[in-house]
Amino acid sequence: MSPQSPVSQTLYAQLLEEASVFNATIFEQGIAGSPYLNHANGYAYWYWQVTAPDGKLKRLSLGRDTPETQALVERLKTRKAEASEAITALRATTRAFVASGGMSMESAHFRVMEHLAQAGLFRKGLVLVGSHAFTALGNLLGLRWGSQLKTSDMDFARAQGISLALPGNAEAIDVLASAKELDPTFFAVPQLDHRQPSTAIISRKTRIKLDFLTTHAGSEADSPYYFADLGIAATPLRFMDYLLGGLNRRGLVIGTYAFPINLPDPARFAIHKLIIAQLRSGEGDAKRQKDIRQADELLAGMIEIGLAHEIEEALGALTAAGYPGALALIRRSAEQSRLACDWLHQQLDKMAP
């Protein structure tokens, strides 16, 4: 773990501003497609046609060739040009940020994220968790990690019963169908109990896997929770309500360019990893150690940049959330940590009854 350079931090702030401004232009209005005029039965009809990643041509009817339809076509062409200019500007700033030491994700992973963003997935209140969130939080805090572990998983979480009153959220999407537009080898991962709906999709070609997680509603609510507006179920996990219960942050997915995404509170993210590291079973020691290393670096980085009070607040929130027993799990993980070990033990000793 080390602080990013002042240049990197300045470029990140610029990138976040540009990405936020251009987000609607790129993802709300779209960047793909072109107008097409077709003649049939003695009339002319305008279409907006898009070539999907699988090569199939999609056409949206705009109406008969009238002055009003021609004006609509011109507006769409203008929006496409604006989106293209936005992408060009974002790519230039992104290249400068990464060249200065900023962290980015693998290109194959970014393409999947980009495609799902364009499909509207991230307007649905999802929060990025897992190793990709670890990288994104590092950039957000101005830190660079020494253990950027490779992963083939993308993890997304959303609370059950969340009220989505944001514009554009009324229309449902189909996660698997959207992913298959980019990569037809994506398929739903079957559950051991075939009566249960899938909570993950995976690509046979790239082995990229998308896991969907949600809050645990009670001791008897272990069954996947189906989100109709996503067309997929999510796995309920203990302590997920704690992770999502803090103040979510707006960060960036960074690849060839950048776009905004929701991230969990950094301190809760680290503490949550220390907790679940001790709850992993049947997954071997590698994931447990990865959780602890990532949490250790994140906590040490936050302490170094003066955010120790946020960690203290996040620890205190465990008791308020009804999880005082989680402190023992944190202590067990702290014993295997290196950078923040002493600080964690001091805080846990203060909280001991």
Protein backbone atom coordinates (compact mmCIF):
# COMPACT_ATOMS: atom_id res chain seq x y z
CA MET A 1 0.00 0.00 0.00
CA SER A 2 1.27 3.47 -0.88
CA PRO A 3 -0.31 6.88 -1.52
CA GLN A 4 -0.86 7.79 -5.13
CA SER A 5 1.06 10.80 -6.36
CA PRO A 6 -0.47 14.29 -6.15
CA VAL A 7 -0.65 14.24 -9.95
CA SER A 8 -2.66 10.99 -9.89
CA GLN A 9 -5.02 12.34 -7.25
CA THR A 10 -5.59 15.54 -9.23
CA LEU A 11 -6.24 13.57 -12.42
CA TYR A 12 -8.66 11.30 -10.57
CA ALA A 13 -10.66 14.30 -9.35
CA GLN A 14 -10.77 15.61 -12.93
CA LEU A 15 -11.75 12.17 -14.25
CA LEU A 16 -14.55 11.82 -11.70
CA GLU A 17 -15.95 15.21 -12.65
CA GLU A 18 -15.74 14.52 -16.39
CA ALA A 19 -17.24 11.04 -16.05
CA SER A 20 -20.12 12.35 -13.93
CA VAL A 21 -20.90 15.12 -16.41
CA PHE A 22 -20.64 12.87 -19.45
CA ASN A 23 -22.38 9.86 -17.90
CA ALA A 24 -25.86 10.86 -19.07
CA THR A 25 -24.60 11.65 -22.55
CA ILE A 26 -22.85 8.31 -22.91
CA PHE A 27 -25.21 5.92 -21.16
CA GLU A 28 -28.56 7.71 -21.16
CA GLN A 29 -28.48 8.82 -24.78
CA GLY A 30 -26.28 6.06 -26.18
CA ILE A 31 -23.29 6.10 -28.51
CA ALA A 32 -24.15 3.30 -30.93
CA GLY A 33 -26.25 3.30 -34.05
CA SER A 34 -26.95 5.27 -37.18
CA PRO A 35 -30.00 6.43 -39.14
CA TYR A 36 -31.37 4.28 -41.94
CA LEU A 37 -33.98 5.28 -44.52
CA ASN A 38 -36.05 2.43 -45.94
CA HIS A 39 -38.56 2.60 -48.79
CA ALA A 40 -41.64 0.38 -48.77
CA ASN A 41 -45.07 0.55 -50.43
CA GLY A 42 -44.33 3.94 -51.91
CA TYR A 43 -43.34 5.53 -48.59
CA ALA A 44 -40.03 6.25 -46.85
CA TYR A 45 -39.48 5.22 -43.22
CA TRP A 46 -36.69 6.20 -40.84
CA TYR A 47 -35.04 3.67 -38.52
CA TRP A 48 -32.24 3.88 -35.99
CA GLN A 49 -30.14 0.76 -36.47
CA VAL A 50 -27.52 -0.72 -34.19
CA THR A 51 -25.17 -3.62 -34.81
CA ALA A 52 -25.04 -5.69 -31.63
CA PRO A 53 -21.76 -7.24 -30.40
CA ASP A 54 -22.96 -10.60 -31.75
CA GLY A 55 -23.28 -9.10 -35.23
CA LYS A 56 -27.06 -9.02 -35.30
CA LEU A 57 -28.72 -5.88 -36.63
CA LYS A 58 -31.38 -4.19 -34.51
CA ARG A 59 -33.66 -1.50 -35.87
CA LEU A 60 -35.87 0.92 -33.96
CA SER A 61 -38.63 2.51 -36.02
CA LEU A 62 -38.67 6.32 -35.87
CA GLY A 63 -41.64 6.81 -38.20
CA ARG A 64 -42.45 7.89 -41.73
CA ASP A 65 -40.21 10.40 -43.47
CA THR A 66 -41.68 13.72 -42.33
CA PRO A 67 -40.06 17.02 -41.28
CA GLU A 68 -40.66 16.06 -37.64
CA THR A 69 -38.99 12.66 -38.08
CA GLN A 70 -36.08 14.26 -39.95
CA ALA A 71 -35.61 16.66 -37.03
CA LEU A 72 -35.58 13.68 -34.63
CA VAL A 73 -32.93 11.98 -36.76
CA GLU A 74 -30.77 15.12 -36.65
CA ARG A 75 -31.13 15.30 -32.84
CA LEU A 76 -30.06 11.67 -32.52
CA LYS A 77 -27.04 12.29 -34.77
CA THR A 78 -26.09 15.30 -32.64
CA ARG A 79 -26.37 13.27 -29.44
CA LYS A 80 -24.23 10.53 -30.95
CA ALA A 81 -21.56 13.09 -31.86
CA GLU A 82 -21.66 14.53 -28.33
CA ALA A 83 -21.29 11.06 -26.83
CA SER A 84 -18.36 10.32 -29.14
CA GLU A 85 -16.66 13.56 -28.08
CA ALA A 86 -17.29 12.68 -24.43
CA ILE A 87 -15.68 9.26 -24.87
CA THR A 88 -12.65 10.82 -26.59
CA ALA A 89 -12.15 13.33 -23.77
CA LEU A 90 -12.60 10.67 -21.09
CA ARG A 91 -10.11 8.36 -22.78
CA ALA A 92 -7.46 11.08 -22.83
CA THR A 93 -7.87 11.84 -19.12
CA THR A 94 -8.02 8.12 -18.29
CA ARG A 95 -4.75 7.43 -20.13
CA ALA A 96 -3.08 10.24 -18.21
CA PHE A 97 -4.42 8.93 -14.88
CA VAL A 98 -3.26 5.35 -15.46
CA ALA A 99 0.14 6.54 -16.78
CA SER A 100 0.61 8.55 -13.57
CA GLY A 101 0.10 5.44 -11.43
CA GLY A 102 -3.67 5.10 -11.15
CA MET A 103 -5.21 1.63 -11.13
CA SER A 104 -7.45 0.22 -13.84
CA MET A 105 -9.23 -3.07 -14.46
CA GLU A 106 -8.50 -5.68 -17.11
CA SER A 107 -9.84 -4.81 -20.55
CA ALA A 108 -12.08 -7.91 -20.79
CA HIS A 109 -13.71 -7.04 -17.46
CA PHE A 110 -14.15 -3.40 -18.46
CA ARG A 111 -15.91 -4.40 -21.68
CA VAL A 112 -18.45 -6.42 -19.69
CA MET A 113 -18.98 -3.58 -17.21
CA GLU A 114 -19.31 -1.06 -20.05
CA HIS A 115 -21.86 -3.16 -21.90
CA LEU A 116 -23.98 -3.70 -18.78
CA ALA A 117 -23.79 0.00 -17.96
CA GLN A 118 -25.09 0.82 -21.43
CA ALA A 119 -27.88 -1.70 -20.87
CA GLY A 120 -28.90 0.25 -17.75
CA LEU A 121 -27.77 -2.17 -15.03
CA PHE A 122 -26.06 0.41 -12.85
CA ARG A 123 -29.08 2.70 -12.79
CA LYS A 124 -30.75 -0.04 -10.76
CA GLY A 125 -29.17 0.82 -7.41
CA LEU A 126 -26.51 -1.88 -7.44
CA VAL A 127 -23.32 -1.49 -5.42
CA LEU A 128 -20.02 -2.90 -6.67
CA VAL A 129 -18.39 -5.13 -4.05
CA GLY A 130 -15.56 -7.67 -4.13
CA SER A 131 -12.06 -7.19 -5.55
CA HIS A 132 -13.14 -4.71 -8.23
CA ALA A 133 -14.53 -2.49 -5.46
CA PHE A 134 -11.20 -2.82 -3.63
CA THR A 135 -9.41 -1.35 -6.66
CA ALA A 136 -12.04 1.36 -7.14
CA LEU A 137 -11.90 2.37 -3.47
CA GLY A 138 -8.12 2.66 -3.69
CA ASN A 139 -8.41 5.15 -6.53
CA LEU A 140 -11.16 7.03 -4.68
CA LEU A 141 -8.99 7.38 -1.56
CA GLY A 142 -5.80 8.19 -3.48
CA LEU A 143 -4.10 4.90 -2.55
CA ARG A 144 -2.33 2.25 -4.59
CA TRP A 145 -2.47 -1.35 -3.48
CA GLY A 146 0.47 -3.73 -3.32
CA SER A 147 -1.78 -6.78 -3.64
CA GLN A 148 -3.85 -6.24 -6.77
CA LEU A 149 -4.95 -9.83 -6.97
CA LYS A 150 -6.36 -11.07 -10.24
CA THR A 151 -9.97 -12.16 -10.15
CA SER A 152 -12.46 -13.53 -12.65
CA ASP A 153 -15.45 -12.55 -10.49
CA MET A 154 -17.55 -9.40 -10.51
CA ASP A 155 -19.70 -9.01 -7.42
CA PHE A 156 -22.77 -6.76 -7.21
CA ALA A 157 -25.06 -6.23 -4.23
CA ARG A 158 -28.45 -4.67 -3.68
CA ALA A 159 -30.64 -4.67 -0.61
CA GLN A 160 -34.00 -6.41 -0.62
CA GLY A 161 -36.97 -4.08 -0.75
CA ILE A 162 -34.90 -1.15 -1.98
CA SER A 163 -37.06 1.67 -3.27
CA LEU A 164 -35.89 2.75 -6.69
CA ALA A 165 -37.40 6.14 -7.45
CA LEU A 166 -34.65 7.23 -9.82
CA PRO A 167 -35.49 8.22 -13.40
CA GLY A 168 -35.02 5.38 -15.87
CA ASN A 169 -35.40 2.62 -13.31
CA ALA A 170 -38.94 1.66 -14.20
CA GLU A 171 -37.92 -0.38 -17.23
CA ALA A 172 -36.77 -3.90 -16.39
CA ILE A 173 -33.66 -5.40 -17.92
CA ASP A 174 -32.56 -9.00 -18.35
CA VAL A 175 -29.00 -9.36 -17.06
CA LEU A 176 -28.28 -12.64 -18.84
CA ALA A 177 -29.78 -11.52 -22.15
CA SER A 178 -27.81 -8.27 -22.01
CA ALA A 179 -24.56 -10.10 -21.28
CA LYS A 180 -25.20 -12.56 -24.11
CA GLU A 181 -25.44 -9.66 -26.55
CA LEU A 182 -21.77 -9.01 -25.83
CA ASP A 183 -20.66 -12.61 -25.36
CA PRO A 184 -23.09 -15.37 -26.43
CA THR A 185 -21.23 -17.90 -24.25
CA PHE A 186 -22.62 -16.38 -21.03
CA PHE A 187 -24.98 -18.77 -19.24
CA ALA A 188 -26.80 -18.91 -15.91
CA VAL A 189 -24.92 -20.94 -13.30
CA PRO A 190 -27.31 -23.64 -12.02
CA GLN A 191 -27.88 -24.08 -8.31
CA LEU A 192 -27.22 -27.39 -6.55
CA ASP A 193 -30.93 -27.31 -5.82
CA HIS A 194 -32.33 -26.96 -9.34
CA ARG A 195 -35.59 -25.61 -7.95
CA GLN A 196 -33.75 -22.45 -6.95
CA PRO A 197 -33.12 -19.62 -9.46
CA SER A 198 -29.57 -18.81 -10.53
CA THR A 199 -27.73 -15.98 -8.78
CA ALA A 200 -24.73 -15.86 -11.13
CA ILE A 201 -23.81 -15.92 -14.80
CA ILE A 202 -20.48 -16.93 -16.31
CA SER A 203 -18.80 -16.81 -19.72
CA ARG A 204 -17.50 -20.05 -21.17
CA LYS A 205 -15.04 -18.03 -23.26
CA THR A 206 -13.49 -15.62 -20.75
CA ARG A 207 -14.57 -17.35 -17.49
CA ILE A 208 -15.72 -13.95 -16.23
CA LYS A 209 -18.40 -14.52 -13.62
CA LEU A 210 -21.01 -12.10 -12.33
CA ASP A 211 -22.37 -12.82 -8.84
CA PHE A 212 -25.42 -11.05 -7.42
CA LEU A 213 -25.79 -10.67 -3.66
CA THR A 214 -28.41 -9.26 -1.35
CA THR A 215 -29.21 -8.72 2.30
CA HIS A 216 -30.20 -11.56 4.60
CA ALA A 217 -33.77 -11.02 5.79
CA GLY A 218 -33.75 -13.57 8.62
CA SER A 219 -32.64 -16.97 9.84
CA GLU A 220 -35.04 -18.73 7.47
CA ALA A 221 -34.38 -16.56 4.40
CA ASP A 222 -31.52 -18.46 2.80
CA SER A 223 -33.27 -18.93 -0.53
CA PRO A 224 -32.22 -16.68 -3.44
CA TYR A 225 -34.19 -13.47 -3.70
CA TYR A 226 -35.47 -12.78 -7.20
CA PHE A 227 -35.20 -9.21 -8.54
CA ALA A 228 -37.80 -9.00 -11.30
CA ASP A 229 -36.37 -5.76 -12.68
CA LEU A 230 -33.00 -7.47 -13.21
CA GLY A 231 -34.27 -10.81 -14.41
CA ILE A 232 -31.99 -12.61 -11.96
CA ALA A 233 -31.92 -13.69 -8.32
CA ALA A 234 -29.37 -12.75 -5.66
CA THR A 235 -27.81 -14.75 -2.84
CA PRO A 236 -28.73 -13.48 0.66
CA LEU A 237 -25.64 -13.11 2.84
CA ARG A 238 -25.24 -12.40 6.52
CA PHE A 239 -23.70 -9.00 7.34
CA MET A 240 -24.59 -7.66 3.87
CA ASP A 241 -27.05 -5.27 5.53
CA TYR A 242 -24.12 -3.91 7.53
CA LEU A 243 -21.97 -3.47 4.42
CA LEU A 244 -24.71 -1.68 2.49
CA GLY A 245 -25.97 0.24 5.53
CA GLY A 246 -23.26 2.85 5.51
CA LEU A 247 -22.92 5.91 3.30
CA ASN A 248 -22.30 4.57 -0.18
CA ARG A 249 -19.67 6.39 -2.20
CA ARG A 250 -19.61 7.39 -5.86
CA GLY A 251 -16.45 6.06 -7.51
CA LEU A 252 -15.25 5.05 -10.94
CA VAL A 253 -14.92 1.95 -13.06
CA ILE A 254 -11.70 2.61 -14.97
CA GLY A 255 -10.64 0.87 -18.18
CA THR A 256 -10.13 2.52 -21.57
CA TYR A 257 -12.22 5.36 -20.12
CA ALA A 258 -14.22 5.75 -16.91
CA PHE A 259 -17.82 5.87 -15.72
CA PRO A 260 -19.36 6.29 -12.25
CA ILE A 261 -20.56 3.44 -10.09
CA ASN A 262 -21.80 3.01 -6.50
CA LEU A 263 -19.25 1.76 -3.96
CA PRO A 264 -19.70 0.75 -0.31
CA ASP A 265 -18.38 2.77 2.60
CA PRO A 266 -14.60 2.03 2.62
CA ALA A 267 -14.33 1.32 6.35
CA ARG A 268 -17.34 -1.00 6.38
CA PHE A 269 -15.99 -2.72 3.27
CA ALA A 270 -12.72 -3.53 5.07
CA ILE A 271 -14.41 -4.63 8.29
CA HIS A 272 -16.88 -6.75 6.36
CA LYS A 273 -13.98 -8.56 4.70
CA LEU A 274 -12.42 -9.29 8.09
CA ILE A 275 -15.72 -10.78 9.22
CA ILE A 276 -16.50 -12.94 6.18
CA ALA A 277 -12.90 -14.19 6.07
CA GLN A 278 -13.71 -16.19 9.20
CA LEU A 279 -17.04 -17.44 7.82
CA ARG A 280 -15.73 -18.92 4.58
CA SER A 281 -16.11 -22.67 4.41
CA GLY A 282 -15.31 -25.08 1.61
CA GLU A 283 -13.47 -22.41 -0.38
CA GLY A 284 -9.92 -23.10 0.76
CA ASP A 285 -7.57 -20.72 2.49
CA ALA A 286 -6.75 -18.57 -0.56
CA LYS A 287 -9.97 -16.51 -0.48
CA ARG A 288 -9.73 -16.09 3.27
CA GLN A 289 -6.20 -14.75 2.99
CA LYS A 290 -7.18 -12.47 0.10
CA ASP A 291 -9.98 -10.97 2.18
CA ILE A 292 -7.63 -10.32 5.08
CA ARG A 293 -4.86 -8.83 2.91
CA GLN A 294 -7.25 -6.47 1.15
CA ALA A 295 -8.85 -5.38 4.42
CA ASP A 296 -5.43 -4.93 6.01
CA GLU A 297 -4.19 -2.67 3.20
CA LEU A 298 -7.38 -0.65 3.11
CA LEU A 299 -7.44 -0.07 6.86
CA ALA A 300 -3.74 0.83 6.98
CA GLY A 301 -4.22 3.23 4.08
CA MET A 302 -7.19 4.93 5.71
CA ILE A 303 -5.25 5.32 8.95
CA GLU A 304 -2.29 6.82 7.07
CA ILE A 305 -4.41 9.44 5.31
CA GLY A 306 -6.23 10.46 8.49
CA LEU A 307 -9.48 8.51 8.24
CA ALA A 308 -9.08 6.38 11.38
CA HIS A 309 -12.21 7.98 12.82
CA GLU A 310 -14.27 6.49 9.99
CA ILE A 311 -13.02 3.01 10.91
CA GLU A 312 -13.89 3.62 14.56
CA GLU A 313 -17.41 4.67 13.56
CA ALA A 314 -17.77 1.59 11.35
CA LEU A 315 -16.68 -0.69 14.21
CA GLY A 316 -19.17 0.96 16.53
CA ALA A 317 -21.93 0.48 13.96
CA LEU A 318 -21.58 -3.30 14.26
CA THR A 319 -23.08 -3.27 17.73
CA ALA A 320 -25.80 -0.86 16.65
CA ALA A 321 -26.64 -3.22 13.76
CA GLY A 322 -27.05 -6.09 16.21
CA TYR A 323 -23.75 -7.84 15.48
CA PRO A 324 -21.63 -7.54 18.66
CA GLY A 325 -20.44 -11.12 18.15
CA ALA A 326 -18.73 -10.04 14.92
CA LEU A 327 -16.01 -8.34 16.95
CA ALA A 328 -14.61 -11.76 17.84
CA LEU A 329 -14.42 -12.66 14.15
CA ILE A 330 -12.60 -9.41 13.44
CA ARG A 331 -10.09 -10.14 16.20
CA ARG A 332 -9.34 -13.56 14.68
CA SER A 333 -8.72 -11.99 11.28
CA ALA A 334 -6.66 -9.20 12.85
CA GLU A 335 -4.27 -11.81 14.22
CA GLN A 336 -3.45 -12.74 10.61
CA SER A 337 -3.13 -9.15 9.41
CA ARG A 338 0.16 -7.29 9.19
CA LEU A 339 -0.21 -3.55 8.63
CA ALA A 340 -3.19 -2.67 10.82
CA CYS A 341 -2.88 -5.47 13.37
CA ASP A 342 -1.83 -3.41 16.42
CA TRP A 343 -4.32 -0.61 15.71
CA LEU A 344 -7.18 -3.07 15.34
CA HIS A 345 -6.36 -4.87 18.59
CA GLN A 346 -6.23 -1.55 20.44
CA GLN A 347 -9.65 -0.57 19.15
CA LEU A 348 -11.16 -3.97 19.92
CA ASP A 349 -9.73 -3.86 23.45
CA LYS A 350 -11.44 -0.50 23.99
CA MET A 351 -14.74 -1.98 22.88
CA ALA A 352 -14.49 -5.05 25.10
CA PRO A 353 -17.11 -5.13 27.89
